[in-house]
């Protein structure tokens, strides 16, 4: 208990800086996203095509593999945010999780259980049975309510299809209203139209949320299956590249220039994509003092209310293959039909928010 209290104090009393001759203290909060790459249990869920993740399925998904997958996922989730915060992230959106049973088992893994991590999950209609969820530390983020907004197929020929919706969680962080939307847009097995439609629907949802509370601190995150500059994100959702050009009521996407610099969150054909994005509302931005791609000292940010501070792709050596032909590639659970006892084909992303302490 003493250790937990100490970690919390380190989290809340983040830093001091001289400003106008006075010491100022800050609270820092980590918000993350991670695609868990098929966190399935070993039991069949009626109505879902989960057969490859059964003991007699293609992946021979046994209790041993499931328990190792849980342990590996918990390791990453617990490590996320610890570059800056001993207690890790306040909230982490996840995708590709089968059901609440998997999330219960995940939160019971020791590094997450020690922090009393909880989750929000609403069973969705996806044909494979994979959903999005939000993990959160109740000492740092308190849930008010949650709903699953469905993804609507607009083409008549798609009327019998169903996929993951938009998990929308409203809560309180640092005494302020924060809403987090976790989503997983249609894969690249579908044409770009379906992701562009997802971007339009996310924009409509954003406008509804901000109409109810124009001051809400809104965070839209997920596996977009598109890069920041793609039409679904840049035009249909309208997430801006430049912080200072983000209009009132608009959205800013900090990941454009990260991808341009030559890195991302998943690898394809020798190159990087950056599908795993965390997008911020203009209400989280100090547009007068922050600069694109330049770190600004805490003392120079107006963080009398909750504001964006930093963002990062989370990397650890253990997430990558360390030898052989595929050295440097992500260490996945399966590859080429073989069980690698790895993690995911995606890297996590994190944004840090800051608020001045009274």
Protein backbone atom coordinates (compact mmCIF):
# COMPACT_ATOMS: atom_id res chain seq x y z
CA UNK A 1 0.00 0.00 0.00
CA UNK A 2 2.86 2.39 0.88
CA UNK A 3 4.35 1.82 -2.57
CA UNK A 4 1.05 2.61 -4.31
CA UNK A 5 0.61 5.81 -2.30
CA UNK A 6 4.16 6.88 -3.15
CA UNK A 7 3.54 6.27 -6.84
CA UNK A 8 0.35 8.31 -6.69
CA UNK A 9 2.17 11.19 -5.07
CA UNK A 10 4.80 11.05 -7.80
CA UNK A 11 2.01 11.11 -10.36
CA UNK A 12 0.13 14.04 -8.90
CA UNK A 13 3.14 16.16 -7.92
CA UNK A 14 4.74 15.92 -11.32
CA UNK A 15 7.04 18.89 -11.50
CA UNK A 16 7.83 22.32 -10.24
CA UNK A 17 8.89 25.20 -12.38
CA UNK A 18 9.69 28.82 -11.71
CA UNK A 19 7.13 31.15 -13.22
CA UNK A 20 6.74 34.78 -12.23
CA UNK A 21 8.98 34.09 -9.26
CA UNK A 22 6.69 31.37 -7.92
CA UNK A 23 6.88 27.59 -7.80
CA UNK A 24 4.19 25.90 -9.86
CA UNK A 25 3.18 22.27 -9.60
CA UNK A 26 1.52 20.16 -12.25
CA UNK A 27 -0.50 17.00 -12.62
CA UNK A 28 0.26 14.78 -15.62
CA UNK A 29 -2.10 12.21 -17.13
CA UNK A 30 -1.31 9.57 -19.76
CA UNK A 31 -3.98 8.50 -22.27
CA UNK A 32 -3.13 5.56 -24.53
CA UNK A 33 -4.39 3.30 -27.30
CA UNK A 34 -3.32 -0.25 -28.13
CA UNK A 35 -4.57 -2.78 -30.70
CA UNK A 36 -4.28 -6.08 -28.81
CA UNK A 37 -4.27 -8.18 -32.00
CA UNK A 38 -6.91 -10.82 -31.35
CA UNK A 39 -7.33 -11.22 -27.62
CA UNK A 40 -9.69 -14.20 -27.75
CA UNK A 41 -10.55 -16.66 -25.01
CA UNK A 42 -10.74 -20.39 -25.81
CA UNK A 43 -14.56 -20.70 -25.84
CA UNK A 44 -16.95 -20.25 -28.74
CA UNK A 45 -19.24 -17.21 -28.56
CA UNK A 46 -22.53 -18.05 -30.24
CA UNK A 47 -23.14 -16.10 -33.43
CA UNK A 48 -19.50 -15.08 -33.92
CA UNK A 49 -16.89 -16.42 -36.30
CA UNK A 50 -14.24 -17.10 -33.66
CA UNK A 51 -13.46 -20.67 -34.73
CA UNK A 52 -9.77 -20.08 -35.48
CA UNK A 53 -9.31 -19.15 -31.81
CA UNK A 54 -10.54 -22.41 -30.35
CA UNK A 55 -8.39 -25.34 -29.16
CA UNK A 56 -9.23 -27.30 -32.32
CA UNK A 57 -9.16 -24.26 -34.60
CA UNK A 58 -6.52 -23.14 -37.06
CA UNK A 59 -4.45 -21.41 -34.36
CA UNK A 60 -4.82 -24.28 -31.85
CA UNK A 61 -5.76 -21.65 -29.28
CA UNK A 62 -5.24 -23.45 -25.99
CA UNK A 63 -5.40 -22.29 -22.38
CA UNK A 64 -1.61 -22.00 -22.34
CA UNK A 65 -1.58 -19.65 -25.32
CA UNK A 66 -4.44 -17.61 -23.88
CA UNK A 67 -2.76 -17.20 -20.49
CA UNK A 68 0.50 -16.16 -22.16
CA UNK A 69 -1.35 -13.66 -24.35
CA UNK A 70 -2.98 -12.14 -21.27
CA UNK A 71 0.34 -11.87 -19.49
CA UNK A 72 2.01 -10.26 -22.52
CA UNK A 73 -0.79 -7.76 -23.07
CA UNK A 74 -0.81 -6.81 -19.37
CA UNK A 75 2.94 -6.20 -19.49
CA UNK A 76 2.59 -3.67 -22.29
CA UNK A 77 -0.48 -1.97 -20.83
CA UNK A 78 1.19 -1.63 -17.44
CA UNK A 79 4.39 -0.22 -19.00
CA UNK A 80 2.56 2.36 -21.12
CA UNK A 81 3.08 5.85 -19.77
CA UNK A 82 5.79 4.87 -17.31
CA UNK A 83 8.40 6.84 -19.26
CA UNK A 84 6.88 9.86 -17.51
CA UNK A 85 4.50 8.46 -14.86
CA UNK A 86 5.34 5.70 -12.38
CA UNK A 87 1.68 4.71 -12.16
CA UNK A 88 1.20 4.54 -15.94
CA UNK A 89 -1.78 5.69 -17.97
CA UNK A 90 -5.03 6.97 -16.55
CA UNK A 91 -6.99 5.43 -19.45
CA UNK A 92 -6.14 3.18 -22.39
CA UNK A 93 -8.42 2.38 -25.31
CA UNK A 94 -8.02 -1.10 -26.75
CA UNK A 95 -9.29 -2.89 -29.83
CA UNK A 96 -9.56 -6.51 -31.01
CA UNK A 97 -10.78 -7.93 -27.71
CA UNK A 98 -13.42 -10.65 -27.84
CA UNK A 99 -15.59 -10.05 -24.79
CA UNK A 100 -15.91 -8.91 -21.17
CA UNK A 101 -14.52 -12.24 -19.96
CA UNK A 102 -11.21 -11.50 -21.69
CA UNK A 103 -11.15 -8.02 -20.16
CA UNK A 104 -11.84 -9.38 -16.69
CA UNK A 105 -9.01 -11.87 -17.08
CA UNK A 106 -6.77 -9.10 -18.41
CA UNK A 107 -7.44 -6.72 -15.52
CA UNK A 108 -6.77 -9.58 -13.09
CA UNK A 109 -3.19 -9.85 -14.34
CA UNK A 110 -0.93 -8.74 -11.52
CA UNK A 111 0.52 -5.48 -12.92
CA UNK A 112 -2.97 -4.20 -13.78
CA UNK A 113 -4.67 -5.61 -10.70
CA UNK A 114 -2.16 -3.79 -8.48
CA UNK A 115 -3.46 -0.52 -9.94
CA UNK A 116 -7.11 -1.60 -9.68
CA UNK A 117 -7.58 -1.13 -13.43
CA UNK A 118 -11.23 -1.33 -14.48
CA UNK A 119 -12.83 -1.47 -17.92
CA UNK A 120 -15.78 -0.26 -19.96
CA UNK A 121 -17.05 -2.64 -22.61
CA UNK A 122 -20.30 -2.96 -24.54
CA UNK A 123 -20.79 -6.05 -26.66
CA UNK A 124 -20.91 -5.09 -30.33
CA UNK A 125 -22.18 -6.69 -33.54
CA UNK A 126 -18.85 -7.44 -35.25
CA UNK A 127 -19.01 -10.72 -37.15
CA UNK A 128 -15.71 -11.97 -35.75
CA UNK A 129 -16.78 -10.89 -32.29
CA UNK A 130 -13.98 -8.36 -31.69
CA UNK A 131 -14.81 -5.17 -29.81
CA UNK A 132 -13.24 -2.00 -28.47
CA UNK A 133 -12.98 -1.25 -24.77
CA UNK A 134 -11.57 1.35 -22.41
CA UNK A 135 -9.32 0.40 -19.50
CA UNK A 136 -9.02 3.04 -16.79
CA UNK A 137 -7.55 3.72 -13.39
CA UNK A 138 -10.51 4.87 -11.23
CA UNK A 139 -8.25 7.06 -9.09
CA UNK A 140 -7.41 9.14 -12.17
CA UNK A 141 -10.48 8.82 -14.41
CA UNK A 142 -14.05 8.43 -13.13
CA UNK A 143 -16.66 7.12 -15.58
CA UNK A 144 -19.94 9.01 -15.84
CA UNK A 145 -21.66 7.03 -18.57
CA UNK A 146 -20.95 5.02 -21.70
CA UNK A 147 -22.70 4.09 -24.92
CA UNK A 148 -21.90 2.21 -28.11
CA UNK A 149 -22.76 4.28 -31.17
CA UNK A 150 -23.18 1.90 -34.13
CA UNK A 151 -21.24 2.18 -37.34
CA UNK A 152 -23.95 2.50 -40.01
CA UNK A 153 -23.48 0.88 -43.41
CA UNK A 154 -25.10 3.25 -45.90
CA UNK A 155 -25.01 1.13 -49.06
CA UNK A 156 -28.14 -1.02 -49.55
CA UNK A 157 -26.01 -4.06 -50.44
CA UNK A 158 -24.38 -3.87 -47.00
CA UNK A 159 -27.64 -3.99 -45.06
CA UNK A 160 -26.87 -7.39 -43.50
CA UNK A 161 -23.31 -6.47 -42.47
CA UNK A 162 -22.28 -5.27 -39.05
CA UNK A 163 -19.00 -4.11 -37.60
CA UNK A 164 -17.48 -2.41 -34.58
CA UNK A 165 -19.15 0.75 -33.38
CA UNK A 166 -17.83 3.82 -31.56
CA UNK A 167 -17.44 3.21 -27.82
CA UNK A 168 -18.12 6.60 -26.23
CA UNK A 169 -17.16 7.01 -22.58
CA UNK A 170 -17.87 10.22 -20.69
CA UNK A 171 -15.98 10.80 -17.46
CA UNK A 172 -14.14 13.12 -15.13
CA UNK A 173 -10.39 13.68 -15.12
CA UNK A 174 -8.61 16.40 -13.16
CA UNK A 175 -12.05 17.68 -12.15
CA UNK A 176 -13.03 18.27 -15.80
CA UNK A 177 -15.42 16.67 -18.27
CA UNK A 178 -13.47 14.36 -20.58
CA UNK A 179 -15.06 12.15 -23.25
CA UNK A 180 -13.10 9.37 -24.94
CA UNK A 181 -14.26 7.69 -28.17
CA UNK A 182 -12.59 4.35 -28.95
CA UNK A 183 -13.07 2.87 -32.39
CA UNK A 184 -11.67 0.46 -34.97
CA UNK A 185 -12.60 1.46 -38.51
CA UNK A 186 -13.14 -1.14 -41.28
CA UNK A 187 -10.00 -2.90 -42.43
CA UNK A 188 -8.14 -2.36 -45.67
CA UNK A 189 -9.76 -5.52 -46.92
CA UNK A 190 -12.61 -3.10 -47.67
CA UNK A 191 -12.37 -0.11 -49.99
CA UNK A 192 -11.51 3.33 -48.63
CA UNK A 193 -15.18 4.33 -48.90
CA UNK A 194 -15.99 2.47 -45.69
CA UNK A 195 -13.27 4.21 -43.69
CA UNK A 196 -14.24 7.55 -45.19
CA UNK A 197 -17.80 6.87 -44.08
CA UNK A 198 -16.41 6.04 -40.64
CA UNK A 199 -14.64 9.40 -40.59
CA UNK A 200 -17.90 11.18 -41.47
CA UNK A 201 -19.76 9.33 -38.73
CA UNK A 202 -17.06 10.14 -36.20
CA UNK A 203 -17.34 13.80 -37.18
CA UNK A 204 -21.11 13.74 -36.62
CA UNK A 205 -20.56 12.10 -33.24
CA UNK A 206 -17.97 14.75 -32.34
CA UNK A 207 -20.42 17.51 -33.21
CA UNK A 208 -23.16 15.91 -31.09
CA UNK A 209 -20.83 15.58 -28.10
CA UNK A 210 -19.61 19.17 -28.39
CA UNK A 211 -23.11 20.52 -28.90
CA UNK A 212 -24.06 19.02 -25.53
CA UNK A 213 -20.95 20.54 -23.90
CA UNK A 214 -18.82 22.92 -25.99
CA UNK A 215 -16.12 22.86 -23.30
CA UNK A 216 -15.74 19.07 -23.17
CA UNK A 217 -12.21 17.75 -23.52
CA UNK A 218 -12.73 15.24 -26.34
CA UNK A 219 -10.30 12.48 -27.33
CA UNK A 220 -10.96 10.28 -30.38
CA UNK A 221 -8.69 7.27 -30.61
CA UNK A 222 -8.42 3.98 -32.39
CA UNK A 223 -7.07 1.81 -35.14
CA UNK A 224 -8.23 3.93 -38.06
CA UNK A 225 -6.83 1.56 -40.72
CA UNK A 226 -5.76 4.77 -42.45
CA UNK A 227 -2.90 7.20 -41.98
CA UNK A 228 -3.38 10.78 -40.72
CA UNK A 229 -3.20 12.29 -44.21
CA UNK A 230 -5.76 9.90 -45.72
CA UNK A 231 -9.16 11.28 -46.68
CA UNK A 232 -11.04 9.56 -43.88
CA UNK A 233 -8.98 11.38 -41.25
CA UNK A 234 -7.90 14.63 -42.92
CA UNK A 235 -11.15 15.52 -44.71
CA UNK A 236 -14.06 13.43 -43.50
CA UNK A 237 -13.19 13.60 -39.81
CA UNK A 238 -11.43 16.92 -40.35
CA UNK A 239 -8.48 16.34 -38.00
CA UNK A 240 -6.00 19.13 -38.72
CA UNK A 241 -2.27 18.78 -39.18
CA UNK A 242 -1.33 22.19 -37.72
CA UNK A 243 -2.07 22.92 -34.10
CA UNK A 244 -2.56 26.64 -34.63
CA UNK A 245 -4.88 26.07 -37.60
CA UNK A 246 -7.29 23.91 -35.61
CA UNK A 247 -10.54 25.86 -35.53
CA UNK A 248 -12.79 26.34 -32.51
CA UNK A 249 -14.78 23.14 -32.07
CA UNK A 250 -12.30 21.32 -34.32
CA UNK A 251 -9.81 18.48 -33.96
CA UNK A 252 -6.03 18.24 -34.09
CA UNK A 253 -4.10 15.15 -35.17
CA UNK A 254 -0.53 15.19 -33.78
CA UNK A 255 0.59 12.12 -35.75
CA UNK A 256 0.98 13.58 -39.26
CA UNK A 257 4.58 14.65 -38.78
CA UNK A 258 5.50 11.55 -36.77
CA UNK A 259 4.73 9.43 -39.82
CA UNK A 260 6.47 11.92 -42.09
CA UNK A 261 9.61 11.54 -39.97
CA UNK A 262 9.79 7.88 -41.03
CA UNK A 263 8.23 5.91 -38.21
CA UNK A 264 4.78 4.56 -37.35
CA UNK A 265 2.83 1.96 -35.44
CA UNK A 266 2.76 -0.95 -37.87
CA UNK A 267 4.90 -2.22 -40.69
CA UNK A 268 3.85 -3.20 -44.18
CA UNK A 269 6.02 -4.16 -47.12
CA UNK A 270 9.11 -2.62 -45.61
CA UNK A 271 7.47 0.68 -44.70
CA UNK A 272 5.55 2.23 -41.84
CA UNK A 273 1.91 3.14 -41.41
CA UNK A 274 0.45 5.03 -38.50
CA UNK A 275 -3.09 3.74 -38.05
CA UNK A 276 -3.15 4.00 -34.25
CA UNK A 277 -4.06 7.61 -33.66
CA UNK A 278 -5.19 9.70 -30.69
CA UNK A 279 -6.89 12.87 -31.88
CA UNK A 280 -7.60 15.85 -29.63
CA UNK A 281 -10.28 18.52 -29.52
CA UNK A 282 -9.30 22.18 -29.77
CA UNK A 283 -10.38 22.59 -26.13
CA UNK A 284 -7.27 20.60 -25.14
CA UNK A 285 -4.86 22.90 -26.98
CA UNK A 286 -2.90 25.93 -25.83
CA UNK A 287 -2.66 27.38 -29.32
CA UNK A 288 -0.94 30.57 -28.20
CA UNK A 289 2.08 28.88 -26.66
CA UNK A 290 2.38 25.35 -28.10
CA UNK A 291 4.21 24.71 -31.36
CA UNK A 292 3.98 21.84 -33.82
CA UNK A 293 6.76 19.28 -33.29
CA UNK A 294 8.53 21.40 -30.69
CA UNK A 295 8.58 20.62 -26.99
CA UNK A 296 7.57 23.56 -24.84
CA UNK A 297 8.45 23.91 -21.18
CA UNK A 298 5.61 23.33 -18.74
CA UNK A 299 6.01 26.80 -17.29
CA UNK A 300 5.17 28.33 -20.67
CA UNK A 301 1.90 26.43 -21.20
CA UNK A 302 -1.41 27.84 -20.01
CA UNK A 303 -2.60 24.73 -18.21
CA UNK A 304 -4.98 26.23 -15.72
CA UNK A 305 -7.33 23.72 -17.34
CA UNK A 306 -6.41 20.33 -18.80
CA UNK A 307 -4.16 20.71 -21.84
CA UNK A 308 -2.13 18.63 -24.29
CA UNK A 309 1.57 18.36 -23.41
CA UNK A 310 3.32 15.55 -25.36
CA UNK A 311 2.65 12.51 -27.55
CA UNK A 312 4.67 9.38 -28.27
CA UNK A 313 4.71 6.00 -29.93
CA UNK A 314 5.39 3.56 -27.12
CA UNK A 315 8.40 1.32 -27.82
CA UNK A 316 10.17 -1.38 -25.85
CA UNK A 317 12.79 -3.80 -27.13
CA UNK A 318 10.63 -6.75 -26.13
CA UNK A 319 7.97 -5.71 -28.67
CA UNK A 320 10.32 -6.49 -31.58
CA UNK A 321 11.95 -9.60 -32.98
CA UNK A 322 15.59 -9.47 -31.94
CA UNK A 323 17.20 -11.90 -34.35
CA UNK A 324 16.75 -13.86 -37.55
CA UNK A 325 15.32 -12.92 -40.92
CA UNK A 326 12.61 -10.69 -39.43
CA UNK A 327 14.78 -8.89 -36.88
CA UNK A 328 13.29 -5.46 -36.20
CA UNK A 329 9.74 -6.49 -37.05
CA UNK A 330 7.03 -6.51 -34.42
CA UNK A 331 6.98 -9.67 -32.33
CA UNK A 332 3.45 -10.91 -32.97
CA UNK A 333 1.41 -13.66 -31.35
CA UNK A 334 1.42 -15.65 -34.60
CA UNK A 335 3.35 -15.29 -37.85
CA UNK A 336 3.53 -17.62 -40.81
CA UNK A 337 1.34 -20.13 -39.01
CA UNK A 338 3.74 -20.38 -36.05
CA UNK A 339 3.02 -19.31 -32.48
CA UNK A 340 5.66 -16.72 -31.47
CA UNK A 341 4.27 -15.99 -28.00
CA UNK A 342 4.58 -12.32 -28.84
CA UNK A 343 2.49 -9.19 -28.47
CA UNK A 344 0.81 -7.42 -31.38
CA UNK A 345 1.35 -6.29 -34.95
CA UNK A 346 0.73 -2.71 -33.72
CA UNK A 347 2.64 -0.41 -31.39
CA UNK A 348 0.74 1.60 -28.78
CA UNK A 349 0.39 5.37 -28.84
CA UNK A 350 0.15 7.78 -25.90
CA UNK A 351 -0.70 11.44 -25.34
CA UNK A 352 0.10 13.26 -22.12
CA UNK A 353 -2.22 15.91 -20.69
CA UNK A 354 -1.23 18.37 -18.02
CA UNK A 355 -2.98 20.63 -15.52
CA UNK A 356 -1.58 23.06 -13.02
CA UNK A 357 -2.12 22.04 -9.40
CA UNK A 358 -3.77 24.45 -7.04
